[in-house]
C-alpha atoms as a PDB file:
ATOM      1  CA  UNK A   1      62.119 106.502  77.504  1.00  0.00           C
ATOM      2  CA  UNK A   2      58.729 108.202  77.880  1.00  0.00           C
ATOM      3  CA  UNK A   3      56.729 109.584  74.965  1.00  0.00           C
ATOM      4  CA  UNK A   4      53.462 111.513  75.291  1.00  0.00           C
ATOM      5  CA  UNK A   5      51.310 111.802  72.191  1.00  0.00           C
ATOM      6  CA  UNK A   6      47.846 113.045  71.357  1.00  0.00           C
ATOM      7  CA  UNK A   7      44.880 110.968  70.235  1.00  0.00           C
ATOM      8  CA  UNK A   8      45.037 112.176  66.599  1.00  0.00           C
ATOM      9  CA  UNK A   9      46.721 109.946  65.409  1.00  0.00           C
ATOM     10  CA  UNK A  10      60.445  67.870  40.376  1.00  0.00           C
ATOM     11  CA  UNK A  11      60.066  64.171  40.271  1.00  0.00           C
ATOM     12  CA  UNK A  12      62.029  66.265  42.709  1.00  0.00           C
ATOM     13  CA  UNK A  13      62.005  69.241  40.423  1.00  0.00           C
ATOM     14  CA  UNK A  14      58.277  69.265  39.515  1.00  0.00           C
ATOM     15  CA  UNK A  15      57.609  70.877  36.178  1.00  0.00           C
ATOM     16  CA  UNK A  16      60.803  72.923  36.304  1.00  0.00           C
ATOM     17  CA  UNK A  17      61.158  73.051  32.535  1.00  0.00           C
ATOM     18  CA  UNK A  18      57.864  74.889  32.409  1.00  0.00           C
ATOM     19  CA  UNK A  19      59.107  77.271  35.080  1.00  0.00           C
ATOM     20  CA  UNK A  20      62.386  77.854  33.227  1.00  0.00           C
ATOM     21  CA  UNK A  21      60.679  78.666  29.923  1.00  0.00           C
ATOM     22  CA  UNK A  22      58.304  81.089  31.625  1.00  0.00           C
ATOM     23  CA  UNK A  23      61.117  82.728  33.569  1.00  0.00           C
ATOM     24  CA  UNK A  24      63.187  83.190  30.395  1.00  0.00           C
ATOM     25  CA  UNK A  25      60.228  84.838  28.718  1.00  0.00           C
ATOM     26  CA  UNK A  26      59.950  87.262  31.623  1.00  0.00           C
ATOM     27  CA  UNK A  27      63.677  87.923  31.308  1.00  0.00           C
ATOM     28  CA  UNK A  28      63.346  88.973  27.654  1.00  0.00           C
ATOM     29  CA  UNK A  29      60.535  91.310  28.602  1.00  0.00           C
ATOM     30  CA  UNK A  30      62.693  92.813  31.357  1.00  0.00           C
ATOM     31  CA  UNK A  31      65.535  93.480  28.899  1.00  0.00           C
ATOM     32  CA  UNK A  32      63.244  95.276  26.489  1.00  0.00           C
ATOM     33  CA  UNK A  33      61.272  97.168  29.145  1.00  0.00           C
ATOM     34  CA  UNK A  34      63.568  97.654  32.150  1.00  0.00           C
ATOM     35  CA  UNK A  35      61.814  98.655  35.341  1.00  0.00           C
ATOM     36  CA  UNK A  36      62.932 101.572  37.508  1.00  0.00           C
ATOM     37  CA  UNK A  37      64.627 100.830  40.801  1.00  0.00           C
ATOM     38  CA  UNK A  38      62.043 100.004  43.456  1.00  0.00           C
ATOM     39  CA  UNK A  39      59.195  99.518  41.003  1.00  0.00           C
ATOM     40  CA  UNK A  40      56.793  96.622  41.364  1.00  0.00           C
ATOM     41  CA  UNK A  41      58.061  93.301  40.011  1.00  0.00           C
ATOM     42  CA  UNK A  42      56.119  91.654  37.212  1.00  0.00           C
ATOM     43  CA  UNK A  43      54.354  88.552  38.506  1.00  0.00           C
ATOM     44  CA  UNK A  44      56.721  85.652  37.763  1.00  0.00           C
ATOM     45  CA  UNK A  45      55.632  82.519  36.016  1.00  0.00           C
ATOM     46  CA  UNK A  46      52.718  81.295  37.819  1.00  0.00           C
ATOM     47  CA  UNK A  47      53.069  77.856  39.168  1.00  0.00           C
ATOM     48  CA  UNK A  48      49.522  78.744  40.140  1.00  0.00           C
ATOM     49  CA  UNK A  49      47.022  79.839  37.497  1.00  0.00           C
ATOM     50  CA  UNK A  50      44.087  81.749  38.880  1.00  0.00           C
ATOM     51  CA  UNK A  51      41.372  83.944  37.411  1.00  0.00           C
ATOM     52  CA  UNK A  52      41.094  87.634  38.200  1.00  0.00           C
ATOM     53  CA  UNK A  53      37.779  88.002  39.964  1.00  0.00           C
ATOM     54  CA  UNK A  54      36.105  91.153  41.226  1.00  0.00           C
ATOM     55  CA  UNK A  55      38.659  93.969  40.872  1.00  0.00           C
ATOM     56  CA  UNK A  56      38.049  96.591  43.534  1.00  0.00           C
ATOM     57  CA  UNK A  57      39.055 100.072  44.596  1.00  0.00           C
ATOM     58  CA  UNK A  58      39.458 100.458  48.372  1.00  0.00           C
ATOM     59  CA  UNK A  59      37.143 103.110  49.867  1.00  0.00           C
ATOM     60  CA  UNK A  60      39.059 106.166  51.140  1.00  0.00           C
ATOM     61  CA  UNK A  61      38.448 105.356  54.812  1.00  0.00           C
ATOM     62  CA  UNK A  62      38.883 101.572  54.693  1.00  0.00           C
ATOM     63  CA  UNK A  63      41.641  99.057  54.079  1.00  0.00           C
ATOM     64  CA  UNK A  64      39.397  96.171  53.019  1.00  0.00           C
ATOM     65  CA  UNK A  65      38.611  94.870  49.530  1.00  0.00           C
ATOM     66  CA  UNK A  66      35.150  93.717  48.555  1.00  0.00           C
ATOM     67  CA  UNK A  67      35.532  90.489  46.529  1.00  0.00           C
ATOM     68  CA  UNK A  68      36.180  86.807  47.214  1.00  0.00           C
ATOM     69  CA  UNK A  69      37.933  84.059  45.308  1.00  0.00           C
ATOM     70  CA  UNK A  70      39.442  80.602  45.658  1.00  0.00           C
ATOM     71  CA  UNK A  71      41.710  78.488  43.464  1.00  0.00           C
ATOM     72  CA  UNK A  72      42.759  74.806  43.664  1.00  0.00           C
ATOM     73  CA  UNK A  73      46.412  74.086  44.367  1.00  0.00           C
ATOM     74  CA  UNK A  74      48.394  72.105  41.780  1.00  0.00           C
ATOM     75  CA  UNK A  75      49.663  68.609  42.522  1.00  0.00           C
ATOM     76  CA  UNK A  76      53.348  67.740  42.764  1.00  0.00           C
ATOM     77  CA  UNK A  77      54.583  70.004  45.544  1.00  0.00           C
ATOM     78  CA  UNK A  78      55.002  67.052  47.932  1.00  0.00           C
ATOM     79  CA  UNK A  79      57.845  65.657  45.831  1.00  0.00           C
ATOM     80  CA  UNK A  80      60.102  68.704  46.256  1.00  0.00           C
ATOM     81  CA  UNK A  81      63.108  68.636  48.574  1.00  0.00           C
ATOM     82  CA  UNK A  82      63.630  71.936  50.383  1.00  0.00           C
ATOM     83  CA  UNK A  83      66.881  73.392  51.762  1.00  0.00           C
ATOM     84  CA  UNK A  84      67.280  74.258  55.436  1.00  0.00           C
ATOM     85  CA  UNK A  85      67.653  77.864  56.555  1.00  0.00           C
ATOM     86  CA  UNK A  86      68.971  79.672  59.611  1.00  0.00           C
ATOM     87  CA  UNK A  87      66.821  82.350  61.222  1.00  0.00           C
ATOM     88  CA  UNK A  88      68.750  85.223  59.553  1.00  0.00           C
ATOM     89  CA  UNK A  89      68.446  83.416  56.209  1.00  0.00           C
ATOM     90  CA  UNK A  90      64.672  83.167  56.610  1.00  0.00           C
ATOM     91  CA  UNK A  91      64.562  86.927  57.207  1.00  0.00           C
ATOM     92  CA  UNK A  92      66.854  87.666  54.278  1.00  0.00           C
ATOM     93  CA  UNK A  93      64.784  85.410  52.041  1.00  0.00           C
ATOM     94  CA  UNK A  94      61.681  87.540  52.529  1.00  0.00           C
ATOM     95  CA  UNK A  95      63.512  90.846  52.208  1.00  0.00           C
ATOM     96  CA  UNK A  96      65.232  89.854  48.944  1.00  0.00           C
ATOM     97  CA  UNK A  97      62.381  87.891  47.349  1.00  0.00           C
ATOM     98  CA  UNK A  98      61.148  89.304  44.034  1.00  0.00           C
ATOM     99  CA  UNK A  99      57.483  89.517  44.997  1.00  0.00           C
ATOM    100  CA  UNK A 100      54.954  90.925  42.528  1.00  0.00           C
ATOM    101  CA  UNK A 101      52.645  93.902  42.954  1.00  0.00           C
ATOM    102  CA  UNK A 102      54.648  95.914  45.476  1.00  0.00           C
ATOM    103  CA  UNK A 103      55.040  99.679  45.281  1.00  0.00           C
ATOM    104  CA  UNK A 104      58.146 101.763  45.757  1.00  0.00           C
ATOM    105  CA  UNK A 105      58.802 102.660  49.388  1.00  0.00           C
ATOM    106  CA  UNK A 106      57.932 106.304  49.967  1.00  0.00           C
ATOM    107  CA  UNK A 107      58.210 108.576  52.987  1.00  0.00           C
ATOM    108  CA  UNK A 108      57.262 106.859  56.250  1.00  0.00           C
ATOM    109  CA  UNK A 109      53.755 107.526  57.588  1.00  0.00           C
ATOM    110  CA  UNK A 110      53.124 109.563  60.723  1.00  0.00           C
ATOM    111  CA  UNK A 111      52.870 107.777  64.063  1.00  0.00           C
ATOM    112  CA  UNK A 112      52.079 110.585  66.500  1.00  0.00           C
ATOM    113  CA  UNK A 113      51.378 114.316  66.218  1.00  0.00           C
ATOM    114  CA  UNK A 114      55.057 115.073  66.810  1.00  0.00           C
ATOM    115  CA  UNK A 115      57.667 114.722  64.073  1.00  0.00           C
ATOM    116  CA  UNK A 116      60.404 114.596  66.718  1.00  0.00           C
ATOM    117  CA  UNK A 117      58.687 111.757  68.572  1.00  0.00           C
ATOM    118  CA  UNK A 118      58.131 109.908  65.314  1.00  0.00           C
ATOM    119  CA  UNK A 119      61.842 110.083  64.526  1.00  0.00           C
ATOM    120  CA  UNK A 120      62.640 108.660  67.959  1.00  0.00           C
ATOM    121  CA  UNK A 121      60.237 105.755  67.425  1.00  0.00           C
ATOM    122  CA  UNK A 122      61.643 105.011  63.973  1.00  0.00           C
ATOM    123  CA  UNK A 123      65.247 105.219  65.143  1.00  0.00           C
ATOM    124  CA  UNK A 124      64.666 102.730  67.937  1.00  0.00           C
ATOM    125  CA  UNK A 125      62.679 100.467  65.601  1.00  0.00           C
ATOM    126  CA  UNK A 126      65.521 100.384  63.075  1.00  0.00           C
ATOM    127  CA  UNK A 127      67.989  99.700  65.880  1.00  0.00           C
ATOM    128  CA  UNK A 128      65.948  96.608  66.765  1.00  0.00           C
ATOM    129  CA  UNK A 129      66.087  95.421  63.153  1.00  0.00           C
ATOM    130  CA  UNK A 130      62.762  96.605  61.736  1.00  0.00           C
ATOM    131  CA  UNK A 131      62.849  97.538  58.053  1.00  0.00           C
ATOM    132  CA  UNK A 132      60.599  99.739  55.944  1.00  0.00           C
ATOM    133  CA  UNK A 133      58.072  97.656  53.994  1.00  0.00           C
ATOM    134  CA  UNK A 134      56.256  98.346  50.743  1.00  0.00           C
ATOM    135  CA  UNK A 135      52.509  98.554  50.232  1.00  0.00           C
ATOM    136  CA  UNK A 136      50.666  96.829  47.363  1.00  0.00           C
ATOM    137  CA  UNK A 137      51.093  98.607  44.030  1.00  0.00           C
ATOM    138  CA  UNK A 138      47.653  97.730  42.657  1.00  0.00           C
ATOM    139  CA  UNK A 139      44.880  96.960  45.124  1.00  0.00           C
ATOM    140  CA  UNK A 140      42.739  95.499  42.335  1.00  0.00           C
ATOM    141  CA  UNK A 141      45.073  92.482  42.397  1.00  0.00           C
ATOM    142  CA  UNK A 142      44.410  91.794  46.061  1.00  0.00           C
ATOM    143  CA  UNK A 143      41.982  89.080  47.131  1.00  0.00           C
ATOM    144  CA  UNK A 144      39.616  88.902  50.082  1.00  0.00           C
ATOM    145  CA  UNK A 145      39.933  85.744  52.167  1.00  0.00           C
ATOM    146  CA  UNK A 146      38.549  84.763  55.576  1.00  0.00           C
ATOM    147  CA  UNK A 147      36.450  87.276  57.510  1.00  0.00           C
ATOM    148  CA  UNK A 148      37.314  90.222  55.291  1.00  0.00           C
ATOM    149  CA  UNK A 149      41.097  89.744  55.399  1.00  0.00           C
ATOM    150  CA  UNK A 150      42.971  90.557  52.187  1.00  0.00           C
ATOM    151  CA  UNK A 151      46.134  89.044  50.672  1.00  0.00           C
ATOM    152  CA  UNK A 152      48.134  89.318  47.486  1.00  0.00           C
ATOM    153  CA  UNK A 153      46.943  86.768  44.921  1.00  0.00           C
ATOM    154  CA  UNK A 154      49.848  84.254  45.254  1.00  0.00           C
ATOM    155  CA  UNK A 155      49.668  84.446  49.044  1.00  0.00           C
ATOM    156  CA  UNK A 156      45.902  83.974  48.974  1.00  0.00           C
ATOM    157  CA  UNK A 157      46.255  80.743  47.011  1.00  0.00           C
ATOM    158  CA  UNK A 158      49.071  79.574  49.258  1.00  0.00           C
ATOM    159  CA  UNK A 159      47.053  80.246  52.423  1.00  0.00           C
ATOM    160  CA  UNK A 160      44.091  78.253  51.114  1.00  0.00           C
ATOM    161  CA  UNK A 161      46.445  75.397  50.245  1.00  0.00           C
ATOM    162  CA  UNK A 162      48.038  75.428  53.691  1.00  0.00           C
ATOM    163  CA  UNK A 163      44.639  75.589  55.367  1.00  0.00           C
ATOM    164  CA  UNK A 164      43.415  72.595  53.360  1.00  0.00           C
ATOM    165  CA  UNK A 165      46.609  70.629  53.996  1.00  0.00           C
ATOM    166  CA  UNK A 166      46.237  71.238  57.726  1.00  0.00           C
ATOM    167  CA  UNK A 167      42.603  70.124  57.665  1.00  0.00           C
ATOM    168  CA  UNK A 168      43.597  66.878  55.948  1.00  0.00           C
ATOM    169  CA  UNK A 169      46.018  66.259  58.824  1.00  0.00           C
ATOM    170  CA  UNK A 170      43.427  67.014  61.495  1.00  0.00           C
ATOM    171  CA  UNK A 171      44.321  70.649  62.273  1.00  0.00           C
ATOM    172  CA  UNK A 172      41.847  73.500  61.942  1.00  0.00           C
ATOM    173  CA  UNK A 173      43.777  76.672  61.170  1.00  0.00           C
ATOM    174  CA  UNK A 174      42.318  80.156  61.301  1.00  0.00           C
ATOM    175  CA  UNK A 175      43.555  83.315  59.648  1.00  0.00           C
ATOM    176  CA  UNK A 176      43.796  86.045  62.277  1.00  0.00           C
ATOM    177  CA  UNK A 177      45.483  88.854  60.349  1.00  0.00           C
ATOM    178  CA  UNK A 178      46.691  89.490  56.798  1.00  0.00           C
ATOM    179  CA  UNK A 179      47.184  92.742  54.846  1.00  0.00           C
ATOM    180  CA  UNK A 180      47.297  95.843  57.051  1.00  0.00           C
ATOM    181  CA  UNK A 181      47.589  99.415  55.782  1.00  0.00           C
ATOM    182  CA  UNK A 182      49.525 102.184  57.494  1.00  0.00           C
ATOM    183  CA  UNK A 183      46.488 103.558  59.306  1.00  0.00           C
ATOM    184  CA  UNK A 184      45.463 100.200  60.733  1.00  0.00           C
ATOM    185  CA  UNK A 185      49.052  99.401  61.769  1.00  0.00           C
ATOM    186  CA  UNK A 186      49.160 102.711  63.596  1.00  0.00           C
ATOM    187  CA  UNK A 187      46.066 101.641  65.554  1.00  0.00           C
ATOM    188  CA  UNK A 188      47.656  98.262  66.309  1.00  0.00           C
ATOM    189  CA  UNK A 189      50.872  99.883  67.505  1.00  0.00           C
ATOM    190  CA  UNK A 190      49.051 102.312  69.814  1.00  0.00           C
ATOM    191  CA  UNK A 191      46.257  99.937  70.885  1.00  0.00           C
ATOM    192  CA  UNK A 192      47.519  99.112  74.428  1.00  0.00           C
ATOM    193  CA  UNK A 193      47.614 102.764  75.433  1.00  0.00           C
ATOM    194  CA  UNK A 194      44.930 105.198  76.581  1.00  0.00           C
ATOM    195  CA  UNK A 195      44.650 108.914  75.911  1.00  0.00           C
ATOM    196  CA  UNK A 196      46.926 110.656  76.517  1.00  0.00           C
ATOM    197  CA  UNK A 197      49.197 107.919  75.183  1.00  0.00           C
ATOM    198  CA  UNK A 198      52.353 107.358  77.196  1.00  0.00           C
ATOM    199  CA  UNK A 199      55.226 105.015  76.381  1.00  0.00           C
ATOM    200  CA  UNK A 200      57.022 104.309  79.636  1.00  0.00           C
ATOM    201  CA  UNK A 201      59.375 102.027  77.727  1.00  0.00           C
ATOM    202  CA  UNK A 202      59.207 102.174  73.947  1.00  0.00           C
ATOM    203  CA  UNK A 203      61.556  99.208  73.666  1.00  0.00           C
ATOM    204  CA  UNK A 204      58.981  96.964  75.317  1.00  0.00           C
ATOM    205  CA  UNK A 205      56.299  97.992  72.822  1.00  0.00           C
ATOM    206  CA  UNK A 206      58.638  97.421  69.881  1.00  0.00           C
ATOM    207  CA  UNK A 207      59.200  93.864  71.063  1.00  0.00           C
ATOM    208  CA  UNK A 208      55.541  93.166  70.295  1.00  0.00           C
ATOM    209  CA  UNK A 209      54.535  95.407  67.391  1.00  0.00           C
ATOM    210  CA  UNK A 210      55.961  97.246  64.395  1.00  0.00           C
ATOM    211  CA  UNK A 211      55.306 100.966  64.014  1.00  0.00           C
ATOM    212  CA  UNK A 212      53.383 101.946  60.870  1.00  0.00           C
ATOM    213  CA  UNK A 213      55.549 101.652  57.774  1.00  0.00           C
ATOM    214  CA  UNK A 214      57.626  98.797  59.209  1.00  0.00           C
ATOM    215  CA  UNK A 215      55.223  95.852  59.291  1.00  0.00           C
ATOM    216  CA  UNK A 216      55.526  92.929  56.883  1.00  0.00           C
ATOM    217  CA  UNK A 217      51.727  92.905  56.859  1.00  0.00           C
ATOM    218  CA  UNK A 218      51.849  96.077  54.723  1.00  0.00           C
ATOM    219  CA  UNK A 219      53.008  93.996  51.761  1.00  0.00           C
ATOM    220  CA  UNK A 220      50.004  91.686  51.682  1.00  0.00           C
ATOM    221  CA  UNK A 221      52.382  88.721  51.954  1.00  0.00           C
ATOM    222  CA  UNK A 222      52.258  88.191  55.740  1.00  0.00           C
ATOM    223  CA  UNK A 223      49.716  86.295  57.827  1.00  0.00           C
ATOM    224  CA  UNK A 224      49.033  85.662  61.507  1.00  0.00           C
ATOM    225  CA  UNK A 225      47.486  82.242  62.075  1.00  0.00           C
ATOM    226  CA  UNK A 226      46.142  80.186  64.942  1.00  0.00           C
ATOM    227  CA  UNK A 227      44.743  76.746  65.650  1.00  0.00           C
ATOM    228  CA  UNK A 228      41.103  76.634  66.650  1.00  0.00           C
ATOM    229  CA  UNK A 229      40.780  75.642  70.315  1.00  0.00           C
ATOM    230  CA  UNK A 230      44.333  76.688  71.244  1.00  0.00           C
ATOM    231  CA  UNK A 231      45.093  80.061  72.808  1.00  0.00           C
ATOM    232  CA  UNK A 232      48.807  80.065  71.911  1.00  0.00           C
ATOM    233  CA  UNK A 233      49.796  78.917  68.442  1.00  0.00           C
ATOM    234  CA  UNK A 234      53.432  78.408  69.433  1.00  0.00           C
ATOM    235  CA  UNK A 235      52.467  75.563  71.784  1.00  0.00           C
ATOM    236  CA  UNK A 236      49.750  74.071  69.569  1.00  0.00           C
ATOM    237  CA  UNK A 237      49.886  70.725  67.724  1.00  0.00           C
ATOM    238  CA  UNK A 238      49.452  72.614  64.443  1.00  0.00           C
ATOM    239  CA  UNK A 239      52.597  74.633  65.101  1.00  0.00           C
ATOM    240  CA  UNK A 240      54.550  71.474  65.854  1.00  0.00           C
ATOM    241  CA  UNK A 241      53.336  70.044  62.525  1.00  0.00           C
ATOM    242  CA  UNK A 242      54.030  73.132  60.415  1.00  0.00           C
ATOM    243  CA  UNK A 243      57.448  73.883  61.941  1.00  0.00           C
ATOM    244  CA  UNK A 244      58.912  70.348  61.920  1.00  0.00           C
ATOM    245  CA  UNK A 245      62.056  69.748  59.860  1.00  0.00           C
ATOM    246  CA  UNK A 246      62.902  73.438  59.499  1.00  0.00           C
ATOM    247  CA  UNK A 247      59.314  74.387  58.584  1.00  0.00           C
ATOM    248  CA  UNK A 248      59.051  71.844  55.765  1.00  0.00           C
ATOM    249  CA  UNK A 249      55.234  71.997  55.625  1.00  0.00           C
ATOM    250  CA  UNK A 250      55.241  75.788  55.437  1.00  0.00           C
ATOM    251  CA  UNK A 251      57.882  75.726  52.685  1.00  0.00           C
ATOM    252  CA  UNK A 252      55.832  73.262  50.668  1.00  0.00           C
ATOM    253  CA  UNK A 253      53.234  76.007  50.258  1.00  0.00           C
ATOM    254  CA  UNK A 254      55.712  78.857  49.772  1.00  0.00           C
ATOM    255  CA  UNK A 255      55.583  80.146  53.382  1.00  0.00           C
ATOM    256  CA  UNK A 256      58.440  80.789  55.804  1.00  0.00           C
ATOM    257  CA  UNK A 257      58.448  81.923  59.464  1.00  0.00           C
ATOM    258  CA  UNK A 258      58.284  85.703  59.605  1.00  0.00           C
ATOM    259  CA  UNK A 259      60.213  86.116  62.864  1.00  0.00           C
ATOM    260  CA  UNK A 260      61.968  82.793  63.592  1.00  0.00           C
ATOM    261  CA  UNK A 261      63.253  81.930  67.068  1.00  0.00           C
ATOM    262  CA  UNK A 262      66.918  82.227  65.999  1.00  0.00           C
ATOM    263  CA  UNK A 263      66.412  85.274  63.782  1.00  0.00           C
ATOM    264  CA  UNK A 264      68.693  87.610  65.721  1.00  0.00           C
ATOM    265  CA  UNK A 265      68.173  91.343  65.224  1.00  0.00           C
ATOM    266  CA  UNK A 266      64.858  91.226  63.386  1.00  0.00           C
ATOM    267  CA  UNK A 267      62.459  93.636  65.077  1.00  0.00           C
ATOM    268  CA  UNK A 268      59.984  91.985  67.442  1.00  0.00           C
ATOM    269  CA  UNK A 269      60.589  88.974  69.620  1.00  0.00           C
ATOM    270  CA  UNK A 270      60.012  85.657  67.770  1.00  0.00           C
ATOM    271  CA  UNK A 271      56.389  85.316  66.638  1.00  0.00           C
ATOM    272  CA  UNK A 272      55.475  81.661  65.998  1.00  0.00           C
ATOM    273  CA  UNK A 273      52.088  82.680  64.596  1.00  0.00           C
ATOM    274  CA  UNK A 274      53.361  84.960  61.784  1.00  0.00           C
ATOM    275  CA  UNK A 275      54.415  83.630  58.376  1.00  0.00           C
ATOM    276  CA  UNK A 276      55.439  85.369  55.156  1.00  0.00           C
ATOM    277  CA  UNK A 277      54.939  84.160  51.606  1.00  0.00           C
ATOM    278  CA  UNK A 278      57.940  84.063  49.258  1.00  0.00           C
ATOM    279  CA  UNK A 279      56.947  81.229  46.911  1.00  0.00           C
ATOM    280  CA  UNK A 280      58.335  77.753  46.328  1.00  0.00           C
ATOM    281  CA  UNK A 281      60.774  78.924  43.644  1.00  0.00           C
ATOM    282  CA  UNK A 282      62.456  81.471  45.923  1.00  0.00           C
ATOM    283  CA  UNK A 283      62.863  78.841  48.643  1.00  0.00           C
ATOM    284  CA  UNK A 284      64.387  76.292  46.285  1.00  0.00           C
ATOM    285  CA  UNK A 285      66.767  78.776  44.664  1.00  0.00           C
ATOM    286  CA  UNK A 286      67.971  80.821  47.654  1.00  0.00           C
ATOM    287  CA  UNK A 287      71.269  78.954  47.975  1.00  0.00           C
ATOM    288  CA  UNK A 288      71.760  78.398  44.240  1.00  0.00           C
ATOM    289  CA  UNK A 289      74.242  80.530  42.257  1.00  0.00           C
ATOM    290  CA  UNK A 290      72.868  81.886  38.957  1.00  0.00           C
ATOM    291  CA  UNK A 291      75.340  79.780  36.987  1.00  0.00           C
ATOM    292  CA  UNK A 292      74.500  76.554  38.814  1.00  0.00           C
ATOM    293  CA  UNK A 293      73.221  73.329  37.299  1.00  0.00           C
ATOM    294  CA  UNK A 294      69.585  73.864  38.258  1.00  0.00           C
ATOM    295  CA  UNK A 295      67.674  75.059  35.175  1.00  0.00           C
ATOM    296  CA  UNK A 296      64.914  76.637  37.264  1.00  0.00           C
ATOM    297  CA  UNK A 297      67.232  78.787  39.362  1.00  0.00           C
ATOM    298  CA  UNK A 298      69.571  79.655  36.475  1.00  0.00           C
ATOM    299  CA  UNK A 299      66.703  80.789  34.283  1.00  0.00           C
ATOM    300  CA  UNK A 300      65.076  82.715  37.103  1.00  0.00           C
ATOM    301  CA  UNK A 301      68.289  84.565  37.922  1.00  0.00           C
ATOM    302  CA  UNK A 302      68.797  85.456  34.270  1.00  0.00           C
ATOM    303  CA  UNK A 303      65.219  86.695  34.009  1.00  0.00           C
ATOM    304  CA  UNK A 304      65.614  89.012  36.976  1.00  0.00           C
ATOM    305  CA  UNK A 305      69.160  90.085  36.172  1.00  0.00           C
ATOM    306  CA  UNK A 306      70.082  89.469  39.807  1.00  0.00           C
ATOM    307  CA  UNK A 307      72.617  87.452  41.753  1.00  0.00           C
ATOM    308  CA  UNK A 308      71.180  85.082  44.337  1.00  0.00           C
ATOM    309  CA  UNK A 309      71.782  85.908  47.957  1.00  0.00           C
ATOM    310  CA  UNK A 310      73.302  82.577  48.915  1.00  0.00           C
ATOM    311  CA  UNK A 311      76.107  82.748  46.373  1.00  0.00           C
END
């Protein structure tokens, strides 16, 4: 296919009673003030407590915030026992996670100067398994991390925790990419091509990059990481450490692989460097039915009024 476009473009449960009480409180609020379908989810009980520092309004032409923050990570996560997931389960976990501060998904952004070409790109992207992704609902809740890269508040804390954990084990991680808006993702998608842009094989490009509107980076809950001194993260010692035992280290900090090697029809080819944040609670409760014997997962399901995916 060829497209031509223009340039305009504790002990093992760890404080679960506290979680359950907080989740129940959120549930009562949800019953009294139900949210419309697709609306942003209220931030669930924070197993992390952080201050709100430096609210910001993004300039019209930029996708970067202008404030910095950092928060210590609570103790006790090491004692948790995490379930194992298949590649499709990892993907489903991110898609179904009740993540805070996400907007409703609106009309997809433009990719080229041709509506017909855009429809062709989107159709092939969906066929590969790409899904539309939400943008942040309130940019004032975003936080600026390394080198001007922004993340949602829970993901920002979790990245700092993972980075510190890696350093304590002798690995120097670096954050290469985080939140990306539609405009920036459009530039990423078209970056390999020169004017006039020509896609000799769109399928090959879609193996490497999401079109704008379909990237998990839009949410502010996805990161690309590397290990300093190693060109390819997938063959680095840090990747071996973080991915061992079904990504146990990543799970400890609320992260899961974004495009796992056995993920099936998921969009791009497996990307060992990309991780998405879902939170420790979502990981622990994915396989738990709402009426199970785990007070954390039962209370959380009741608070959201949802049935868990793994039931």
